[in-house]
């Protein structure tokens, strides 16, 4: 038995693979830096859905299809937004995705979240939803629908880089959940909803918010080293530090997000403080736990980027999911092609049986 299925190969995939030693993640054989520079959000979706989604989606065809789907999703907001807005964000997003019909297309599912999350953010602020602009790409329109004005080029590019880099990263907990649900021949919308439910935990997609909380707490310290030492000796988890996929911290997604953050100019000021915290952590770690490394992971950069783009902390996971959702859909569609249902076994350790 492998607790947590650590190291167990549970699927064959054409979607993504990572090599920590080469500090790279590929989607369909294309490295993350190239995806961010040349493909963008819609182009990367087209790449991942190739051979799975109906038709032969391209970057431009998906941009148009997703734009039209956002308009349709906006027209359906009145069915759920009023009752969902007063609930915590993870519950509200469940309501948003729960409204999807069983036969919802991949584009319809993506559009529902792309429209629903900005609408929820505004509703919680006492503001009315903003009509989608189909002339904009998804990332730019998410910013437009959140803040009520078209974003400048640097801000739109920053969010698009984030969405693109984070779209798929192998068989993580939420992607595995999507595959398990899809393997039963449940609707694609159910697979996407199941993935969201797995995503909200602080050990997975819920990490960016608590990461920013940690940086805020660090900034309030008069003796940063002593504070870090107390946390390390107590065995507390330091959100934003350490990563199972890229344990040495050289994550190409983090590099792409940090580059986008720096291009935002003054809004990137907290990045230098985060770097200083990392340096002090490594120094304290060398004293408390010699030989161990705990580098900053991509959640630091992600949290700072989302904060710089004006998203409220409580919505970080939901915004993250807009980028990850097309990957969940690709995982589910790929699993459906296999025709095989997941049915693992358990090792019984309960009371003796006669």
Protein backbone atom coordinates (compact mmCIF):
# COMPACT_ATOMS: atom_id res chain seq x y z
CA UNK A 1 0.00 0.00 0.00
CA UNK A 2 1.17 3.53 -0.81
CA UNK A 3 -0.46 6.10 1.52
CA UNK A 4 -1.85 8.96 -0.53
CA UNK A 5 -1.13 6.86 -3.64
CA UNK A 6 2.39 8.32 -3.59
CA UNK A 7 4.25 7.14 -6.69
CA UNK A 8 1.35 5.02 -7.96
CA UNK A 9 0.78 5.36 -11.71
CA UNK A 10 -2.99 5.63 -12.10
CA UNK A 11 -3.36 6.88 -15.68
CA UNK A 12 -1.60 7.34 -18.98
CA UNK A 13 -1.83 10.88 -20.33
CA UNK A 14 -0.79 13.05 -23.24
CA UNK A 15 -1.62 16.22 -21.32
CA UNK A 16 1.33 17.20 -19.13
CA UNK A 17 4.54 15.99 -17.56
CA UNK A 18 7.18 17.54 -15.32
CA UNK A 19 10.89 16.94 -14.81
CA UNK A 20 12.06 18.53 -11.55
CA UNK A 21 15.71 17.90 -12.45
CA UNK A 22 15.32 19.90 -15.65
CA UNK A 23 13.15 22.50 -13.89
CA UNK A 24 10.44 22.20 -16.51
CA UNK A 25 6.76 21.39 -16.99
CA UNK A 26 5.37 20.57 -20.43
CA UNK A 27 1.77 20.51 -21.68
CA UNK A 28 1.37 18.36 -24.78
CA UNK A 29 5.14 18.57 -25.21
CA UNK A 30 5.23 22.39 -25.11
CA UNK A 31 7.23 23.94 -22.22
CA UNK A 32 5.49 26.40 -19.92
CA UNK A 33 7.58 29.42 -21.00
CA UNK A 34 6.54 28.87 -24.62
CA UNK A 35 2.90 28.42 -23.68
CA UNK A 36 2.93 31.71 -21.80
CA UNK A 37 4.79 33.60 -24.54
CA UNK A 38 3.15 32.15 -27.66
CA UNK A 39 -0.07 30.30 -26.85
CA UNK A 40 -1.83 32.23 -24.09
CA UNK A 41 -4.95 31.04 -22.30
CA UNK A 42 -7.15 30.15 -25.24
CA UNK A 43 -4.25 28.72 -27.24
CA UNK A 44 -3.25 26.43 -24.38
CA UNK A 45 -6.85 25.28 -23.96
CA UNK A 46 -6.97 24.42 -27.67
CA UNK A 47 -3.75 22.45 -27.26
CA UNK A 48 -5.02 20.46 -24.27
CA UNK A 49 -8.47 19.79 -25.73
CA UNK A 50 -7.08 18.67 -29.09
CA UNK A 51 -8.62 15.33 -30.01
CA UNK A 52 -10.93 15.35 -26.99
CA UNK A 53 -13.35 18.27 -27.35
CA UNK A 54 -15.78 18.42 -30.28
CA UNK A 55 -14.36 19.83 -33.50
CA UNK A 56 -10.80 21.05 -33.86
CA UNK A 57 -10.53 24.04 -31.53
CA UNK A 58 -7.98 26.75 -32.28
CA UNK A 59 -6.91 29.76 -30.27
CA UNK A 60 -9.11 32.10 -32.30
CA UNK A 61 -12.11 29.78 -32.51
CA UNK A 62 -12.01 29.23 -28.75
CA UNK A 63 -11.68 32.95 -28.09
CA UNK A 64 -14.90 33.48 -30.03
CA UNK A 65 -16.68 30.45 -28.55
CA UNK A 66 -15.75 31.37 -24.98
CA UNK A 67 -16.80 34.98 -25.55
CA UNK A 68 -20.24 33.90 -26.75
CA UNK A 69 -20.50 31.43 -23.86
CA UNK A 70 -19.69 34.19 -21.35
CA UNK A 71 -22.59 36.25 -22.70
CA UNK A 72 -24.89 33.25 -22.26
CA UNK A 73 -23.55 32.62 -18.73
CA UNK A 74 -24.16 36.27 -17.83
CA UNK A 75 -27.78 35.88 -18.89
CA UNK A 76 -28.21 33.06 -16.38
CA UNK A 77 -26.75 34.84 -13.33
CA UNK A 78 -30.15 35.74 -11.90
CA UNK A 79 -30.94 32.05 -11.34
CA UNK A 80 -28.33 31.66 -8.60
CA UNK A 81 -26.33 34.81 -7.82
CA UNK A 82 -28.76 36.35 -5.34
CA UNK A 83 -28.77 33.38 -2.97
CA UNK A 84 -25.12 32.44 -3.48
CA UNK A 85 -23.60 35.88 -2.87
CA UNK A 86 -24.13 35.72 0.88
CA UNK A 87 -22.31 32.42 1.23
CA UNK A 88 -18.52 31.84 1.59
CA UNK A 89 -16.79 31.87 -1.77
CA UNK A 90 -16.18 28.12 -2.02
CA UNK A 91 -19.88 27.44 -1.37
CA UNK A 92 -20.93 30.17 -3.78
CA UNK A 93 -18.79 28.72 -6.55
CA UNK A 94 -20.33 25.30 -5.90
CA UNK A 95 -23.70 26.91 -6.51
CA UNK A 96 -22.44 28.55 -9.70
CA UNK A 97 -21.13 25.26 -11.09
CA UNK A 98 -24.13 23.35 -9.78
CA UNK A 99 -26.33 25.32 -12.18
CA UNK A 100 -24.63 23.73 -15.18
CA UNK A 101 -26.76 21.34 -17.22
CA UNK A 102 -25.68 17.75 -17.64
CA UNK A 103 -25.04 18.36 -21.33
CA UNK A 104 -22.99 21.55 -20.79
CA UNK A 105 -20.18 21.83 -23.32
CA UNK A 106 -16.56 22.36 -22.26
CA UNK A 107 -16.74 26.03 -23.31
CA UNK A 108 -19.98 26.52 -21.38
CA UNK A 109 -18.38 25.14 -18.22
CA UNK A 110 -15.34 27.41 -18.53
CA UNK A 111 -17.52 30.44 -19.24
CA UNK A 112 -19.75 29.77 -16.23
CA UNK A 113 -16.80 30.14 -13.87
CA UNK A 114 -15.23 33.01 -15.82
CA UNK A 115 -18.44 35.02 -15.41
CA UNK A 116 -19.57 33.66 -12.06
CA UNK A 117 -16.43 34.48 -10.08
CA UNK A 118 -16.29 38.19 -11.05
CA UNK A 119 -20.03 38.46 -10.44
CA UNK A 120 -19.64 36.96 -6.97
CA UNK A 121 -16.75 39.28 -6.14
CA UNK A 122 -18.80 42.31 -7.12
CA UNK A 123 -21.94 41.07 -5.37
CA UNK A 124 -20.01 40.67 -2.11
CA UNK A 125 -18.89 44.29 -2.54
CA UNK A 126 -22.46 45.46 -3.10
CA UNK A 127 -21.91 46.10 -6.81
CA UNK A 128 -23.86 44.83 -9.81
CA UNK A 129 -22.37 42.37 -12.33
CA UNK A 130 -20.61 43.76 -15.40
CA UNK A 131 -21.62 42.54 -18.85
CA UNK A 132 -18.91 40.50 -20.59
CA UNK A 133 -17.01 42.05 -23.49
CA UNK A 134 -16.60 39.45 -26.23
CA UNK A 135 -13.94 41.57 -27.88
CA UNK A 136 -11.63 40.73 -24.98
CA UNK A 137 -9.84 37.48 -24.26
CA UNK A 138 -10.92 35.54 -21.19
CA UNK A 139 -8.22 36.86 -18.83
CA UNK A 140 -8.78 40.49 -19.82
CA UNK A 141 -12.55 40.07 -19.56
CA UNK A 142 -12.29 38.53 -16.08
CA UNK A 143 -10.47 41.69 -14.96
CA UNK A 144 -13.01 43.84 -16.80
CA UNK A 145 -15.97 42.04 -15.20
CA UNK A 146 -14.33 42.22 -11.76
CA UNK A 147 -13.31 45.88 -11.73
CA UNK A 148 -15.78 47.42 -14.16
CA UNK A 149 -13.18 48.76 -16.61
CA UNK A 150 -11.01 47.27 -19.33
CA UNK A 151 -7.55 46.49 -17.90
CA UNK A 152 -4.32 47.88 -19.26
CA UNK A 153 -2.15 45.56 -21.34
CA UNK A 154 0.28 44.67 -18.54
CA UNK A 155 -2.47 43.63 -16.14
CA UNK A 156 -4.29 41.56 -18.75
CA UNK A 157 -1.03 39.90 -19.79
CA UNK A 158 -0.16 39.14 -16.16
CA UNK A 159 -3.43 37.34 -15.48
CA UNK A 160 -3.22 35.49 -18.79
CA UNK A 161 0.30 34.32 -17.94
CA UNK A 162 -0.97 33.06 -14.59
CA UNK A 163 -3.97 31.25 -16.07
CA UNK A 164 -1.82 29.68 -18.79
CA UNK A 165 1.00 28.50 -16.55
CA UNK A 166 -1.38 26.95 -14.02
CA UNK A 167 -3.67 25.09 -16.42
CA UNK A 168 -2.42 21.54 -15.90
CA UNK A 169 0.25 19.86 -13.79
CA UNK A 170 -0.30 16.13 -13.87
CA UNK A 171 -2.39 14.00 -11.57
CA UNK A 172 -2.86 16.34 -8.62
CA UNK A 173 -5.77 15.83 -6.24
CA UNK A 174 -8.34 17.87 -8.20
CA UNK A 175 -7.35 16.45 -11.59
CA UNK A 176 -7.53 12.93 -10.16
CA UNK A 177 -10.99 13.72 -8.79
CA UNK A 178 -12.10 14.91 -12.23
CA UNK A 179 -10.88 11.65 -13.74
CA UNK A 180 -12.55 9.49 -11.08
CA UNK A 181 -15.92 11.22 -11.64
CA UNK A 182 -15.55 11.09 -15.43
CA UNK A 183 -14.62 7.40 -15.29
CA UNK A 184 -18.14 6.58 -14.05
CA UNK A 185 -19.59 8.18 -17.21
CA UNK A 186 -21.00 11.01 -15.15
CA UNK A 187 -21.55 14.31 -17.00
CA UNK A 188 -18.54 16.52 -17.69
CA UNK A 189 -20.09 19.24 -15.53
CA UNK A 190 -20.12 16.82 -12.59
CA UNK A 191 -16.42 16.05 -13.11
CA UNK A 192 -15.63 19.78 -13.08
CA UNK A 193 -17.68 20.33 -9.92
CA UNK A 194 -16.00 17.38 -8.20
CA UNK A 195 -12.60 18.79 -9.10
CA UNK A 196 -13.56 22.15 -7.57
CA UNK A 197 -14.61 20.44 -4.34
CA UNK A 198 -11.19 18.77 -4.12
CA UNK A 199 -9.46 22.04 -5.01
CA UNK A 200 -10.59 24.24 -2.14
CA UNK A 201 -8.43 22.71 0.59
CA UNK A 202 -5.44 24.66 1.90
CA UNK A 203 -3.08 21.88 0.82
CA UNK A 204 -4.14 22.35 -2.80
CA UNK A 205 -5.86 25.25 -4.58
CA UNK A 206 -6.67 26.99 -1.32
CA UNK A 207 -3.01 27.81 -0.67
CA UNK A 208 -2.60 31.34 -2.17
CA UNK A 209 -4.76 33.13 0.42
CA UNK A 210 -3.04 31.62 3.48
CA UNK A 211 0.31 32.30 1.80
CA UNK A 212 -0.46 36.01 1.76
CA UNK A 213 -1.60 35.74 5.39
CA UNK A 214 1.83 34.33 6.25
CA UNK A 215 3.63 37.21 4.50
CA UNK A 216 1.44 39.71 6.35
CA UNK A 217 2.30 38.04 9.64
CA UNK A 218 5.99 38.06 8.75
CA UNK A 219 5.86 41.77 7.90
CA UNK A 220 4.51 42.52 11.37
CA UNK A 221 7.44 40.87 13.16
CA UNK A 222 10.16 42.87 14.90
CA UNK A 223 12.44 39.80 14.95
CA UNK A 224 11.78 37.80 11.79
CA UNK A 225 14.40 35.13 12.51
CA UNK A 226 13.01 34.39 15.97
CA UNK A 227 9.50 34.16 14.59
CA UNK A 228 10.59 31.75 11.85
CA UNK A 229 12.52 29.65 14.35
CA UNK A 230 9.47 29.33 16.60
CA UNK A 231 7.37 28.13 13.69
CA UNK A 232 9.98 25.64 12.51
CA UNK A 233 10.55 24.19 15.97
CA UNK A 234 6.79 23.87 16.49
CA UNK A 235 6.51 21.97 13.20
CA UNK A 236 4.06 24.48 11.74
CA UNK A 237 3.41 24.44 8.03
CA UNK A 238 4.79 27.55 6.32
CA UNK A 239 2.35 28.27 3.50
CA UNK A 240 4.17 29.22 0.32
CA UNK A 241 7.32 27.26 1.07
CA UNK A 242 8.13 23.77 -0.16
CA UNK A 243 6.54 21.91 -3.10
CA UNK A 244 6.24 18.21 -3.90
CA UNK A 245 6.50 18.61 -7.68
CA UNK A 246 9.48 21.00 -7.68
CA UNK A 247 11.16 20.47 -4.29
CA UNK A 248 14.17 22.64 -5.14
CA UNK A 249 11.94 25.62 -5.88
CA UNK A 250 12.93 25.93 -9.56
CA UNK A 251 9.38 25.87 -10.90
CA UNK A 252 8.93 27.30 -14.42
CA UNK A 253 5.41 28.40 -13.51
CA UNK A 254 6.72 30.48 -10.64
CA UNK A 255 9.31 32.04 -12.94
CA UNK A 256 6.61 32.99 -15.46
CA UNK A 257 4.36 34.48 -12.78
CA UNK A 258 7.21 36.40 -11.14
CA UNK A 259 8.18 37.85 -14.53
CA UNK A 260 4.59 38.98 -15.10
CA UNK A 261 4.47 40.44 -11.61
CA UNK A 262 7.64 42.46 -12.15
CA UNK A 263 6.15 43.96 -15.30
CA UNK A 264 3.40 45.46 -13.17
CA UNK A 265 5.96 47.89 -11.79
CA UNK A 266 5.24 49.39 -8.34
CA UNK A 267 2.56 46.76 -7.71
CA UNK A 268 5.34 44.15 -7.52
CA UNK A 269 6.98 45.76 -4.47
CA UNK A 270 6.00 42.95 -2.08
CA UNK A 271 7.95 40.45 -4.18
CA UNK A 272 11.22 41.77 -2.77
CA UNK A 273 9.95 41.32 0.78
CA UNK A 274 8.91 37.74 -0.05
CA UNK A 275 12.43 37.10 -1.36
CA UNK A 276 13.87 38.47 1.89
CA UNK A 277 11.63 36.17 3.94
CA UNK A 278 12.85 33.21 1.89
CA UNK A 279 16.49 34.13 2.51
CA UNK A 280 15.95 34.42 6.25
CA UNK A 281 14.00 31.15 6.31
CA UNK A 282 16.88 29.28 4.69
CA UNK A 283 19.33 30.77 7.19
CA UNK A 284 17.16 29.81 10.17
CA UNK A 285 16.46 26.39 8.70
CA UNK A 286 20.19 25.69 8.46
CA UNK A 287 20.37 26.15 12.22
CA UNK A 288 17.17 24.37 13.23
CA UNK A 289 17.15 21.56 10.65
CA UNK A 290 20.61 21.32 9.04
CA UNK A 291 20.66 19.91 5.54
CA UNK A 292 17.01 20.63 4.83
CA UNK A 293 15.84 23.14 2.21
CA UNK A 294 12.44 24.83 2.08
CA UNK A 295 12.43 27.18 -0.92
CA UNK A 296 9.55 29.45 -1.85
CA UNK A 297 7.03 27.80 -4.14
CA UNK A 298 4.83 29.21 -6.86
CA UNK A 299 2.07 30.08 -4.37
CA UNK A 300 4.10 33.08 -3.16
CA UNK A 301 4.24 34.55 -6.64
CA UNK A 302 0.63 33.57 -7.34
CA UNK A 303 -0.69 35.21 -4.18
CA UNK A 304 1.26 38.42 -4.82
CA UNK A 305 0.08 38.55 -8.43
CA UNK A 306 -3.59 38.07 -7.58
CA UNK A 307 -3.29 40.69 -4.84
CA UNK A 308 -1.61 43.14 -7.22
CA UNK A 309 -4.43 42.62 -9.72
CA UNK A 310 -6.97 43.65 -7.11
CA UNK A 311 -8.66 40.33 -6.38
CA UNK A 312 -9.87 39.94 -2.78
CA UNK A 313 -8.02 37.29 -0.81
CA UNK A 314 -11.16 35.24 -0.25
CA UNK A 315 -11.51 34.86 -4.03
CA UNK A 316 -7.94 33.73 -4.79
CA UNK A 317 -8.85 30.04 -5.05
CA UNK A 318 -11.84 30.76 -7.28
CA UNK A 319 -9.73 32.91 -9.62
CA UNK A 320 -7.06 30.20 -9.67
CA UNK A 321 -9.76 27.72 -10.70
CA UNK A 322 -10.59 29.76 -13.82
CA UNK A 323 -7.09 28.96 -15.03
CA UNK A 324 -7.15 25.33 -13.88
CA UNK A 325 -10.67 24.43 -15.07
CA UNK A 326 -9.73 23.75 -18.73
CA UNK A 327 -7.11 21.31 -17.45
CA UNK A 328 -9.70 19.50 -15.33
CA UNK A 329 -11.91 19.25 -18.40
CA UNK A 330 -9.05 17.87 -20.47
CA UNK A 331 -8.30 15.28 -17.77
CA UNK A 332 -11.95 14.24 -17.65
CA UNK A 333 -12.27 14.03 -21.44
CA UNK A 334 -9.09 11.96 -21.68
CA UNK A 335 -10.37 9.59 -18.98
CA UNK A 336 -13.69 9.18 -20.76
CA UNK A 337 -11.81 7.98 -23.82
CA UNK A 338 -10.39 5.03 -21.88
CA UNK A 339 -13.82 3.66 -21.01
CA UNK A 340 -12.43 2.36 -17.72
CA UNK A 341 -13.89 3.15 -14.28
CA UNK A 342 -11.59 3.65 -11.30
CA UNK A 343 -12.11 0.95 -8.68
CA UNK A 344 -9.15 0.73 -6.26
CA UNK A 345 -9.20 -1.50 -3.20
CA UNK A 346 -8.59 -0.91 0.48
CA UNK A 347 -6.56 -2.79 3.09
CA UNK A 348 -8.97 -3.67 5.90
CA UNK A 349 -7.51 -2.97 9.37
CA UNK A 350 -10.72 -3.00 11.41
CA UNK A 351 -11.97 -5.46 14.03
CA UNK A 352 -11.36 -9.14 13.37
CA UNK A 353 -14.09 -10.87 11.40
CA UNK A 354 -15.35 -14.41 12.00
